[in-house]
N, C-alpha and C. Protein backbone atom coordinates (compact mmCIF):
# COMPACT_ATOMS: atom_id res chain seq x y z
N MET A 1 38.63 -1.88 -3.83
CA MET A 1 37.81 -0.70 -4.05
C MET A 1 36.34 -1.07 -4.11
N LEU A 2 35.99 -2.10 -4.90
CA LEU A 2 34.60 -2.53 -5.01
C LEU A 2 34.06 -3.01 -3.67
N ALA A 3 34.88 -3.71 -2.91
CA ALA A 3 34.47 -4.20 -1.59
C ALA A 3 34.15 -3.03 -0.66
N ALA A 4 34.96 -1.97 -0.73
CA ALA A 4 34.70 -0.80 0.10
C ALA A 4 33.40 -0.11 -0.29
N VAL A 5 33.13 -0.04 -1.58
CA VAL A 5 31.88 0.57 -2.06
C VAL A 5 30.69 -0.25 -1.60
N LEU A 6 30.79 -1.58 -1.74
CA LEU A 6 29.70 -2.45 -1.31
C LEU A 6 29.48 -2.38 0.19
N LEU A 7 30.56 -2.36 0.94
CA LEU A 7 30.46 -2.23 2.40
C LEU A 7 29.82 -0.90 2.78
N GLY A 8 30.19 0.15 2.10
CA GLY A 8 29.58 1.46 2.35
C GLY A 8 28.09 1.47 2.02
N LEU A 9 27.71 0.80 0.94
CA LEU A 9 26.30 0.71 0.56
C LEU A 9 25.50 -0.05 1.61
N VAL A 10 26.02 -1.19 2.07
CA VAL A 10 25.35 -1.98 3.10
C VAL A 10 25.19 -1.15 4.37
N TYR A 11 26.25 -0.47 4.76
CA TYR A 11 26.20 0.38 5.95
C TYR A 11 25.11 1.44 5.80
N TYR A 12 25.06 2.09 4.65
CA TYR A 12 24.06 3.12 4.39
C TYR A 12 22.64 2.56 4.49
N LEU A 13 22.41 1.38 3.92
CA LEU A 13 21.07 0.79 3.92
C LEU A 13 20.62 0.34 5.30
N LEU A 14 21.56 -0.07 6.13
CA LEU A 14 21.19 -0.60 7.45
C LEU A 14 21.12 0.47 8.53
N THR A 15 21.64 1.64 8.27
CA THR A 15 21.59 2.70 9.28
C THR A 15 20.28 3.46 9.16
N PRO A 16 19.79 4.06 10.21
CA PRO A 16 20.43 4.15 11.52
C PRO A 16 20.32 2.83 12.29
N PHE A 17 21.39 2.50 12.99
CA PHE A 17 21.34 1.32 13.83
C PHE A 17 20.51 1.63 15.06
N PRO A 18 19.87 0.62 15.63
CA PRO A 18 19.06 0.87 16.82
C PRO A 18 19.90 1.38 17.99
N SER A 19 19.35 2.33 18.72
CA SER A 19 19.98 2.80 19.96
C SER A 19 19.56 1.86 21.08
N GLU A 20 20.47 1.63 22.01
CA GLU A 20 20.13 0.81 23.16
C GLU A 20 19.17 1.61 24.04
N ASP A 21 17.98 1.08 24.28
CA ASP A 21 16.96 1.79 25.05
C ASP A 21 17.16 1.52 26.53
N VAL A 22 17.28 2.58 27.29
CA VAL A 22 17.47 2.46 28.73
C VAL A 22 16.38 3.22 29.48
N THR A 23 15.24 3.39 28.82
CA THR A 23 14.12 4.07 29.46
C THR A 23 13.80 3.36 30.76
N ALA A 24 13.88 4.10 31.85
CA ALA A 24 13.59 3.53 33.16
C ALA A 24 12.44 4.32 33.77
N GLN A 25 11.28 3.74 33.73
CA GLN A 25 10.14 4.39 34.36
C GLN A 25 9.20 3.30 34.82
N SER A 26 8.47 3.60 35.87
CA SER A 26 7.48 2.62 36.31
C SER A 26 6.31 2.68 35.34
N ILE A 27 5.73 1.52 35.11
CA ILE A 27 4.63 1.45 34.16
C ILE A 27 3.39 0.92 34.88
N PRO A 28 2.22 1.28 34.38
CA PRO A 28 1.00 0.76 35.00
C PRO A 28 0.85 -0.74 34.75
N THR A 29 0.01 -1.38 35.54
CA THR A 29 -0.23 -2.81 35.40
C THR A 29 -0.86 -3.14 34.06
N ARG A 30 -1.74 -2.26 33.59
CA ARG A 30 -2.39 -2.43 32.28
C ARG A 30 -2.29 -1.12 31.54
N TYR A 31 -2.12 -1.22 30.24
CA TYR A 31 -2.10 -0.01 29.43
C TYR A 31 -2.48 -0.37 28.00
N HIS A 32 -3.19 0.55 27.37
CA HIS A 32 -3.38 0.47 25.93
C HIS A 32 -3.50 1.88 25.39
N VAL A 33 -3.04 2.05 24.18
CA VAL A 33 -3.08 3.35 23.52
C VAL A 33 -4.54 3.78 23.46
N PRO A 34 -4.82 5.00 23.85
CA PRO A 34 -6.22 5.43 23.94
C PRO A 34 -6.92 5.58 22.59
N ARG A 35 -6.18 5.61 21.51
CA ARG A 35 -6.80 5.78 20.19
C ARG A 35 -6.58 4.53 19.36
N GLU A 36 -7.67 3.96 18.88
CA GLU A 36 -7.55 2.83 17.96
C GLU A 36 -7.93 3.32 16.57
N ALA A 37 -7.54 2.58 15.58
CA ALA A 37 -7.83 2.95 14.19
C ALA A 37 -8.38 1.73 13.47
N ALA A 38 -8.88 1.96 12.28
CA ALA A 38 -9.40 0.86 11.46
C ALA A 38 -8.27 -0.09 11.09
N TYR A 39 -8.61 -1.37 10.99
CA TYR A 39 -7.65 -2.39 10.61
C TYR A 39 -7.69 -2.61 9.11
N GLU A 40 -6.54 -2.92 8.55
CA GLU A 40 -6.43 -3.29 7.14
C GLU A 40 -5.64 -4.58 7.06
N VAL A 41 -5.94 -5.39 6.07
CA VAL A 41 -5.20 -6.63 5.84
C VAL A 41 -4.17 -6.35 4.75
N GLN A 42 -2.94 -6.72 5.01
CA GLN A 42 -1.82 -6.42 4.12
C GLN A 42 -1.77 -7.30 2.90
N GLY A 43 -1.04 -6.84 1.88
CA GLY A 43 -0.65 -7.66 0.75
C GLY A 43 0.63 -8.40 1.10
N HIS A 44 1.15 -9.19 0.18
CA HIS A 44 2.35 -9.99 0.42
C HIS A 44 3.55 -9.11 0.78
N ASN A 45 4.17 -9.40 1.92
CA ASN A 45 5.36 -8.69 2.42
C ASN A 45 5.15 -7.19 2.59
N GLN A 46 3.95 -6.77 2.91
CA GLN A 46 3.67 -5.34 3.08
C GLN A 46 3.41 -4.94 4.53
N CYS A 47 3.82 -5.77 5.47
CA CYS A 47 3.55 -5.50 6.88
C CYS A 47 4.17 -4.19 7.35
N SER A 48 5.31 -3.82 6.81
CA SER A 48 5.95 -2.55 7.20
C SER A 48 5.02 -1.38 6.93
N ALA A 49 4.43 -1.34 5.76
CA ALA A 49 3.55 -0.25 5.37
C ALA A 49 2.25 -0.26 6.15
N PHE A 50 1.68 -1.43 6.37
CA PHE A 50 0.40 -1.51 7.06
C PHE A 50 0.56 -1.21 8.55
N SER A 51 1.70 -1.58 9.14
CA SER A 51 1.98 -1.21 10.53
C SER A 51 2.18 0.30 10.64
N THR A 52 2.89 0.86 9.68
CA THR A 52 3.14 2.31 9.67
C THR A 52 1.83 3.07 9.46
N ALA A 53 1.01 2.62 8.54
CA ALA A 53 -0.28 3.28 8.28
C ALA A 53 -1.17 3.23 9.51
N TYR A 54 -1.18 2.09 10.19
CA TYR A 54 -2.00 1.98 11.40
C TYR A 54 -1.52 2.99 12.45
N LEU A 55 -0.23 3.05 12.66
CA LEU A 55 0.32 4.00 13.62
C LEU A 55 -0.10 5.42 13.26
N LEU A 56 0.02 5.78 12.00
CA LEU A 56 -0.34 7.13 11.56
C LEU A 56 -1.83 7.41 11.73
N ARG A 57 -2.67 6.41 11.46
CA ARG A 57 -4.12 6.60 11.65
C ARG A 57 -4.46 6.86 13.11
N THR A 58 -3.74 6.21 14.04
CA THR A 58 -4.01 6.47 15.46
C THR A 58 -3.64 7.91 15.83
N LEU A 59 -2.79 8.53 15.03
CA LEU A 59 -2.39 9.92 15.27
C LEU A 59 -3.27 10.90 14.48
N GLY A 60 -4.33 10.37 13.84
CA GLY A 60 -5.27 11.22 13.14
C GLY A 60 -4.89 11.54 11.70
N LYS A 61 -3.88 10.87 11.18
CA LYS A 61 -3.47 11.11 9.79
C LYS A 61 -4.22 10.16 8.86
N ASP A 62 -4.45 10.61 7.65
CA ASP A 62 -5.07 9.78 6.62
C ASP A 62 -3.97 8.90 6.03
N ALA A 63 -4.00 7.61 6.32
CA ALA A 63 -2.96 6.71 5.84
C ALA A 63 -3.59 5.36 5.50
N GLU A 64 -3.29 4.90 4.30
CA GLU A 64 -3.77 3.61 3.83
C GLU A 64 -2.55 2.75 3.53
N GLY A 65 -2.56 1.51 4.01
CA GLY A 65 -1.40 0.63 3.88
C GLY A 65 -0.86 0.49 2.48
N ALA A 66 -1.73 0.29 1.49
CA ALA A 66 -1.26 0.09 0.11
C ALA A 66 -0.59 1.35 -0.43
N ARG A 67 -1.12 2.52 -0.09
CA ARG A 67 -0.49 3.77 -0.54
C ARG A 67 0.85 3.98 0.15
N VAL A 68 0.90 3.67 1.44
CA VAL A 68 2.17 3.81 2.17
C VAL A 68 3.20 2.86 1.56
N TYR A 69 2.79 1.63 1.25
CA TYR A 69 3.74 0.66 0.69
C TYR A 69 4.32 1.16 -0.63
N SER A 70 3.48 1.74 -1.46
CA SER A 70 4.00 2.22 -2.75
C SER A 70 4.97 3.38 -2.57
N ALA A 71 4.85 4.11 -1.47
CA ALA A 71 5.73 5.25 -1.22
C ALA A 71 7.00 4.88 -0.45
N LEU A 72 7.01 3.71 0.19
CA LEU A 72 8.17 3.32 0.98
C LEU A 72 9.39 3.06 0.10
N VAL A 73 10.54 3.43 0.61
CA VAL A 73 11.81 3.15 -0.06
C VAL A 73 12.58 2.15 0.80
N TYR A 74 13.74 1.76 0.34
CA TYR A 74 14.60 0.79 1.01
C TYR A 74 13.94 -0.58 1.06
N LYS A 75 13.37 -0.98 -0.08
CA LYS A 75 12.80 -2.33 -0.23
C LYS A 75 13.88 -3.25 -0.78
N ILE A 76 13.87 -4.48 -0.31
CA ILE A 76 14.79 -5.48 -0.83
C ILE A 76 14.23 -5.96 -2.16
N PRO A 77 15.05 -5.92 -3.22
CA PRO A 77 14.57 -6.36 -4.53
C PRO A 77 14.02 -7.78 -4.50
N PHE A 78 13.04 -8.03 -5.29
CA PHE A 78 12.37 -9.31 -5.48
C PHE A 78 11.44 -9.70 -4.33
N SER A 79 11.84 -9.48 -3.08
CA SER A 79 10.97 -9.88 -1.96
C SER A 79 9.98 -8.77 -1.61
N GLY A 80 10.41 -7.51 -1.79
CA GLY A 80 9.56 -6.40 -1.40
C GLY A 80 9.64 -6.07 0.07
N TYR A 81 10.44 -6.84 0.82
CA TYR A 81 10.61 -6.58 2.25
C TYR A 81 11.22 -5.20 2.44
N VAL A 82 10.74 -4.47 3.44
CA VAL A 82 11.22 -3.10 3.69
C VAL A 82 12.14 -3.10 4.91
N LEU A 83 13.31 -2.54 4.74
CA LEU A 83 14.25 -2.39 5.85
C LEU A 83 13.70 -1.36 6.85
N PRO A 84 14.10 -1.45 8.12
CA PRO A 84 13.63 -0.47 9.10
C PRO A 84 13.87 0.97 8.66
N LYS A 85 14.95 1.21 7.92
CA LYS A 85 15.24 2.56 7.42
C LYS A 85 14.09 3.09 6.57
N GLY A 86 13.39 2.22 5.85
CA GLY A 86 12.26 2.64 5.04
C GLY A 86 11.13 3.20 5.88
N ILE A 87 10.83 2.54 7.00
CA ILE A 87 9.80 3.04 7.91
C ILE A 87 10.24 4.36 8.52
N MET A 88 11.47 4.43 8.96
CA MET A 88 12.00 5.65 9.57
C MET A 88 11.91 6.83 8.58
N SER A 89 12.33 6.60 7.35
CA SER A 89 12.29 7.67 6.33
C SER A 89 10.87 8.12 6.06
N TYR A 90 9.94 7.18 5.98
CA TYR A 90 8.55 7.54 5.70
C TYR A 90 7.96 8.36 6.85
N LEU A 91 8.21 7.93 8.08
CA LEU A 91 7.70 8.68 9.23
C LEU A 91 8.30 10.08 9.27
N GLN A 92 9.56 10.21 8.95
CA GLN A 92 10.18 11.54 8.90
C GLN A 92 9.52 12.40 7.83
N ALA A 93 9.21 11.82 6.68
CA ALA A 93 8.54 12.57 5.61
C ALA A 93 7.14 13.01 6.02
N GLN A 94 6.56 12.30 7.00
CA GLN A 94 5.23 12.66 7.49
C GLN A 94 5.29 13.66 8.64
N GLY A 95 6.49 14.19 8.90
CA GLY A 95 6.64 15.20 9.95
C GLY A 95 6.87 14.64 11.33
N MET A 96 7.11 13.35 11.43
CA MET A 96 7.35 12.72 12.72
C MET A 96 8.85 12.74 13.02
N GLY A 97 9.18 12.44 14.27
CA GLY A 97 10.57 12.32 14.69
C GLY A 97 10.84 10.91 15.17
N PRO A 98 10.84 9.93 14.26
CA PRO A 98 10.94 8.52 14.68
C PRO A 98 12.29 8.18 15.30
N SER A 99 12.26 7.15 16.13
CA SER A 99 13.48 6.59 16.71
C SER A 99 13.40 5.08 16.61
N ILE A 100 14.57 4.46 16.48
CA ILE A 100 14.64 3.00 16.47
C ILE A 100 15.49 2.57 17.66
N TYR A 101 14.93 1.64 18.44
CA TYR A 101 15.58 1.19 19.67
C TYR A 101 15.77 -0.30 19.67
N ARG A 102 16.74 -0.73 20.47
CA ARG A 102 16.90 -2.13 20.86
C ARG A 102 16.69 -2.13 22.36
N GLY A 103 15.84 -3.04 22.84
CA GLY A 103 15.56 -3.04 24.26
C GLY A 103 15.04 -4.38 24.74
N ALA A 104 14.42 -4.32 25.88
CA ALA A 104 13.81 -5.49 26.51
C ALA A 104 12.33 -5.20 26.69
N LEU A 105 11.60 -6.18 27.13
CA LEU A 105 10.16 -6.02 27.27
C LEU A 105 9.79 -4.83 28.18
N PRO A 106 10.47 -4.61 29.30
CA PRO A 106 10.12 -3.44 30.12
C PRO A 106 10.33 -2.10 29.39
N THR A 107 11.40 -1.98 28.60
CA THR A 107 11.61 -0.71 27.89
C THR A 107 10.61 -0.56 26.75
N LEU A 108 10.25 -1.66 26.10
CA LEU A 108 9.22 -1.61 25.05
C LEU A 108 7.90 -1.13 25.63
N LYS A 109 7.51 -1.69 26.77
CA LYS A 109 6.26 -1.27 27.42
C LYS A 109 6.34 0.19 27.87
N ALA A 110 7.50 0.60 28.38
CA ALA A 110 7.65 2.00 28.81
C ALA A 110 7.49 2.95 27.62
N ARG A 111 8.03 2.60 26.46
CA ARG A 111 7.85 3.44 25.27
C ARG A 111 6.37 3.51 24.88
N LEU A 112 5.68 2.39 24.97
CA LEU A 112 4.26 2.38 24.64
C LEU A 112 3.47 3.31 25.55
N THR A 113 3.80 3.33 26.83
CA THR A 113 3.04 4.17 27.77
C THR A 113 3.27 5.66 27.55
N GLN A 114 4.15 6.01 26.62
CA GLN A 114 4.31 7.42 26.26
C GLN A 114 3.18 7.89 25.36
N GLY A 115 2.29 6.95 24.95
CA GLY A 115 1.05 7.34 24.30
C GLY A 115 0.81 6.94 22.87
N ASN A 116 1.82 6.45 22.17
CA ASN A 116 1.63 6.07 20.76
C ASN A 116 1.95 4.60 20.56
N PRO A 117 1.31 3.95 19.58
CA PRO A 117 1.69 2.57 19.26
C PRO A 117 3.18 2.48 18.90
N VAL A 118 3.73 1.28 19.03
CA VAL A 118 5.14 1.04 18.76
C VAL A 118 5.25 -0.11 17.76
N ILE A 119 6.00 0.09 16.70
CA ILE A 119 6.19 -0.95 15.68
C ILE A 119 7.32 -1.87 16.11
N THR A 120 7.05 -3.19 16.13
CA THR A 120 8.05 -4.18 16.52
C THR A 120 8.40 -5.05 15.31
N LEU A 121 9.56 -5.67 15.37
CA LEU A 121 9.99 -6.59 14.32
C LEU A 121 10.21 -7.96 14.93
N VAL A 122 9.46 -8.95 14.44
CA VAL A 122 9.59 -10.32 14.92
C VAL A 122 9.96 -11.20 13.73
N GLY A 123 10.42 -12.42 14.00
CA GLY A 123 10.73 -13.27 12.87
C GLY A 123 11.53 -14.50 13.23
N ASN A 124 12.07 -15.11 12.17
CA ASN A 124 12.86 -16.32 12.30
C ASN A 124 14.01 -16.24 11.29
N GLY A 125 15.01 -15.44 11.62
CA GLY A 125 16.19 -15.32 10.76
C GLY A 125 15.84 -14.91 9.35
N VAL A 126 16.47 -15.57 8.38
CA VAL A 126 16.21 -15.22 6.98
C VAL A 126 14.96 -15.91 6.45
N LEU A 127 14.35 -16.79 7.23
CA LEU A 127 13.13 -17.47 6.77
C LEU A 127 11.95 -16.50 6.66
N TRP A 128 11.77 -15.67 7.68
CA TRP A 128 10.70 -14.67 7.63
C TRP A 128 10.92 -13.62 8.71
N GLN A 129 10.44 -12.43 8.41
CA GLN A 129 10.42 -11.31 9.35
C GLN A 129 9.05 -10.65 9.19
N HIS A 130 8.56 -10.04 10.28
CA HIS A 130 7.22 -9.46 10.24
C HIS A 130 7.15 -8.28 11.21
N TYR A 131 6.59 -7.17 10.73
CA TYR A 131 6.34 -6.01 11.58
C TYR A 131 4.92 -6.10 12.15
N MET A 132 4.79 -5.87 13.45
CA MET A 132 3.49 -5.77 14.11
C MET A 132 3.53 -4.53 14.99
N THR A 133 2.36 -3.97 15.25
CA THR A 133 2.27 -2.73 16.02
C THR A 133 1.70 -3.01 17.41
N LEU A 134 2.51 -2.77 18.43
CA LEU A 134 2.08 -2.97 19.82
C LEU A 134 1.16 -1.83 20.21
N VAL A 135 -0.02 -2.20 20.77
CA VAL A 135 -0.99 -1.18 21.18
C VAL A 135 -1.38 -1.28 22.65
N GLY A 136 -0.97 -2.36 23.33
CA GLY A 136 -1.32 -2.48 24.75
C GLY A 136 -0.72 -3.71 25.39
N TYR A 137 -0.91 -3.81 26.72
CA TYR A 137 -0.43 -4.97 27.47
C TYR A 137 -1.22 -5.10 28.76
N ASP A 138 -1.13 -6.27 29.37
CA ASP A 138 -1.71 -6.55 30.68
C ASP A 138 -0.67 -7.34 31.46
N GLU A 139 -0.07 -6.70 32.46
CA GLU A 139 1.00 -7.33 33.24
C GLU A 139 0.51 -8.57 33.98
N GLU A 140 -0.70 -8.49 34.54
CA GLU A 140 -1.20 -9.62 35.32
C GLU A 140 -1.43 -10.84 34.45
N LYS A 141 -2.00 -10.66 33.28
CA LYS A 141 -2.25 -11.78 32.37
C LYS A 141 -0.99 -12.16 31.59
N ARG A 142 0.00 -11.27 31.58
CA ARG A 142 1.23 -11.43 30.79
C ARG A 142 0.90 -11.52 29.30
N ASP A 143 -0.04 -10.65 28.89
CA ASP A 143 -0.48 -10.58 27.50
C ASP A 143 -0.04 -9.26 26.86
N LEU A 144 0.20 -9.32 25.57
CA LEU A 144 0.51 -8.15 24.76
C LEU A 144 -0.53 -8.06 23.64
N TYR A 145 -0.96 -6.84 23.34
CA TYR A 145 -2.00 -6.61 22.33
C TYR A 145 -1.39 -5.90 21.13
N PHE A 146 -1.65 -6.44 19.96
CA PHE A 146 -1.05 -5.94 18.73
C PHE A 146 -2.09 -5.65 17.67
N PHE A 147 -1.73 -4.75 16.75
CA PHE A 147 -2.36 -4.70 15.45
C PHE A 147 -1.44 -5.52 14.55
N ASP A 148 -1.98 -6.60 13.98
CA ASP A 148 -1.23 -7.47 13.09
C ASP A 148 -1.95 -7.49 11.75
N SER A 149 -1.33 -6.89 10.74
CA SER A 149 -1.97 -6.74 9.44
C SER A 149 -2.10 -8.05 8.67
N LYS A 150 -1.54 -9.14 9.18
CA LYS A 150 -1.73 -10.44 8.52
C LYS A 150 -3.02 -11.10 8.98
N ARG A 151 -3.62 -10.62 10.04
CA ARG A 151 -4.86 -11.18 10.57
C ARG A 151 -6.04 -10.60 9.82
N GLU A 152 -6.92 -11.47 9.36
CA GLU A 152 -8.06 -11.01 8.57
C GLU A 152 -9.25 -10.63 9.43
N THR A 153 -9.23 -11.04 10.70
CA THR A 153 -10.33 -10.69 11.60
C THR A 153 -9.78 -10.12 12.89
N ASP A 154 -10.67 -9.51 13.64
CA ASP A 154 -10.32 -8.99 14.95
C ASP A 154 -10.48 -10.13 15.95
N GLU A 155 -9.37 -10.72 16.36
CA GLU A 155 -9.39 -11.85 17.28
C GLU A 155 -9.53 -11.40 18.73
N ASN A 156 -9.52 -10.08 18.97
CA ASN A 156 -9.47 -9.58 20.33
C ASN A 156 -10.81 -9.11 20.90
N SER A 157 -11.84 -9.06 20.12
CA SER A 157 -13.15 -8.60 20.61
C SER A 157 -13.03 -7.25 21.30
N ASP A 158 -13.25 -7.25 22.62
CA ASP A 158 -13.25 -5.99 23.38
C ASP A 158 -11.85 -5.55 23.80
N LEU A 159 -10.86 -6.39 23.59
CA LEU A 159 -9.49 -6.03 23.96
C LEU A 159 -8.89 -5.13 22.88
N PRO A 160 -7.85 -4.39 23.22
CA PRO A 160 -7.19 -3.53 22.20
C PRO A 160 -6.57 -4.36 21.09
N GLY A 161 -6.41 -3.75 19.93
CA GLY A 161 -5.76 -4.41 18.80
C GLY A 161 -6.61 -5.50 18.19
N ASN A 162 -5.99 -6.31 17.34
CA ASN A 162 -6.71 -7.41 16.72
C ASN A 162 -6.04 -8.76 16.96
N ARG A 163 -4.98 -8.77 17.80
CA ARG A 163 -4.28 -10.02 18.11
C ARG A 163 -3.63 -9.92 19.49
N THR A 164 -3.78 -10.99 20.27
CA THR A 164 -3.14 -11.08 21.58
C THR A 164 -2.06 -12.14 21.53
N LEU A 165 -0.89 -11.82 22.08
CA LEU A 165 0.19 -12.79 22.22
C LEU A 165 0.59 -12.83 23.68
N THR A 166 0.93 -14.02 24.17
CA THR A 166 1.50 -14.09 25.51
C THR A 166 2.90 -13.47 25.44
N GLU A 167 3.37 -12.96 26.55
CA GLU A 167 4.72 -12.38 26.57
C GLU A 167 5.75 -13.43 26.15
N GLU A 168 5.57 -14.65 26.62
CA GLU A 168 6.53 -15.72 26.31
C GLU A 168 6.59 -15.97 24.80
N TYR A 169 5.43 -16.05 24.16
CA TYR A 169 5.41 -16.31 22.72
C TYR A 169 5.99 -15.13 21.95
N PHE A 170 5.62 -13.91 22.34
CA PHE A 170 6.17 -12.74 21.68
C PHE A 170 7.70 -12.73 21.80
N LEU A 171 8.22 -12.99 22.99
CA LEU A 171 9.68 -12.97 23.18
C LEU A 171 10.36 -14.00 22.30
N SER A 172 9.72 -15.15 22.08
CA SER A 172 10.34 -16.16 21.21
C SER A 172 10.41 -15.66 19.78
N MET A 173 9.43 -14.88 19.33
CA MET A 173 9.46 -14.33 17.97
C MET A 173 10.33 -13.07 17.90
N TRP A 174 10.41 -12.34 18.99
CA TRP A 174 11.21 -11.11 19.02
C TRP A 174 12.70 -11.45 18.99
N ASP A 175 13.05 -12.65 19.41
CA ASP A 175 14.41 -13.16 19.24
C ASP A 175 14.51 -13.58 17.78
N ASN A 176 14.53 -12.60 16.89
CA ASN A 176 14.26 -12.83 15.46
C ASN A 176 15.44 -13.36 14.65
N GLY A 177 16.58 -13.59 15.26
CA GLY A 177 17.70 -14.18 14.54
C GLY A 177 18.48 -13.21 13.67
N LEU A 178 18.19 -11.91 13.77
CA LEU A 178 18.94 -10.91 13.01
C LEU A 178 19.79 -10.10 13.98
N PRO A 179 21.10 -10.33 14.01
CA PRO A 179 21.94 -9.69 15.02
C PRO A 179 21.78 -8.17 15.11
N LEU A 180 21.70 -7.48 13.99
CA LEU A 180 21.58 -6.01 14.05
C LEU A 180 20.18 -5.55 14.42
N PHE A 181 19.19 -6.38 14.20
CA PHE A 181 17.80 -5.97 14.41
C PHE A 181 17.06 -6.90 15.37
N HIS A 182 17.78 -7.35 16.37
CA HIS A 182 17.26 -8.22 17.42
C HIS A 182 16.62 -7.35 18.50
N HIS A 183 15.39 -7.63 18.86
CA HIS A 183 14.66 -6.89 19.91
C HIS A 183 14.54 -5.40 19.58
N ILE A 184 14.17 -5.10 18.33
CA ILE A 184 14.05 -3.69 17.96
C ILE A 184 12.60 -3.25 17.90
N TYR A 185 12.44 -1.93 18.02
CA TYR A 185 11.13 -1.32 17.87
C TYR A 185 11.31 0.12 17.41
N ILE A 186 10.27 0.60 16.73
CA ILE A 186 10.30 1.94 16.16
C ILE A 186 9.18 2.76 16.77
N THR A 187 9.53 3.94 17.25
CA THR A 187 8.54 4.85 17.80
C THR A 187 8.35 6.01 16.82
N ALA A 188 7.19 6.63 16.89
CA ALA A 188 6.87 7.72 15.96
C ALA A 188 7.52 9.03 16.37
N GLY A 189 7.86 9.17 17.62
CA GLY A 189 8.41 10.45 18.07
C GLY A 189 7.30 11.44 18.35
N GLU A 190 7.64 12.68 18.27
CA GLU A 190 6.67 13.74 18.56
C GLU A 190 5.57 13.78 17.52
N ARG A 191 4.38 14.08 17.97
CA ARG A 191 3.28 14.27 17.03
C ARG A 191 3.48 15.55 16.25
N PRO A 192 3.02 15.54 14.99
CA PRO A 192 3.19 16.75 14.17
C PRO A 192 2.33 17.89 14.69
């Protein structure tokens, strides 16, 4: 009986599971979200909130990472790490229609070209996980542009976001070692 209750609780906390993304559309050679927002540097294990706040600011909403973090639910005790369900619930409370997908680099880029930043989850198994917000890419350079709330400065100058990763490096981190949350990303859905 206790095992069934615990299994049900784990299932509840981990859902919704990512949908397999099969978005098939041609994408431009270069793209970046047309709206950028102010950058904030996160507190310890608060990347979920700061990525979410950045996404909301690009949509014209007043959102501050620390306030979002205090409002997020589905945090893992002691670490403060937020499960993807926490981001999804918060975006829903903000009037958005978020979705969580599992896909490949082409489907991730296709979702981005729909006009809003996309929150990604990268990491190394149970050692660390980190949310970053994809804001652009350049196919020819094989570069991806992110808002990364762990960065204290804008490393990108005139490029979108505050951090550039090569596709190869991003893919190595996106292979995050979490079977249920491997190659996932969260979209905001329709604007309010």
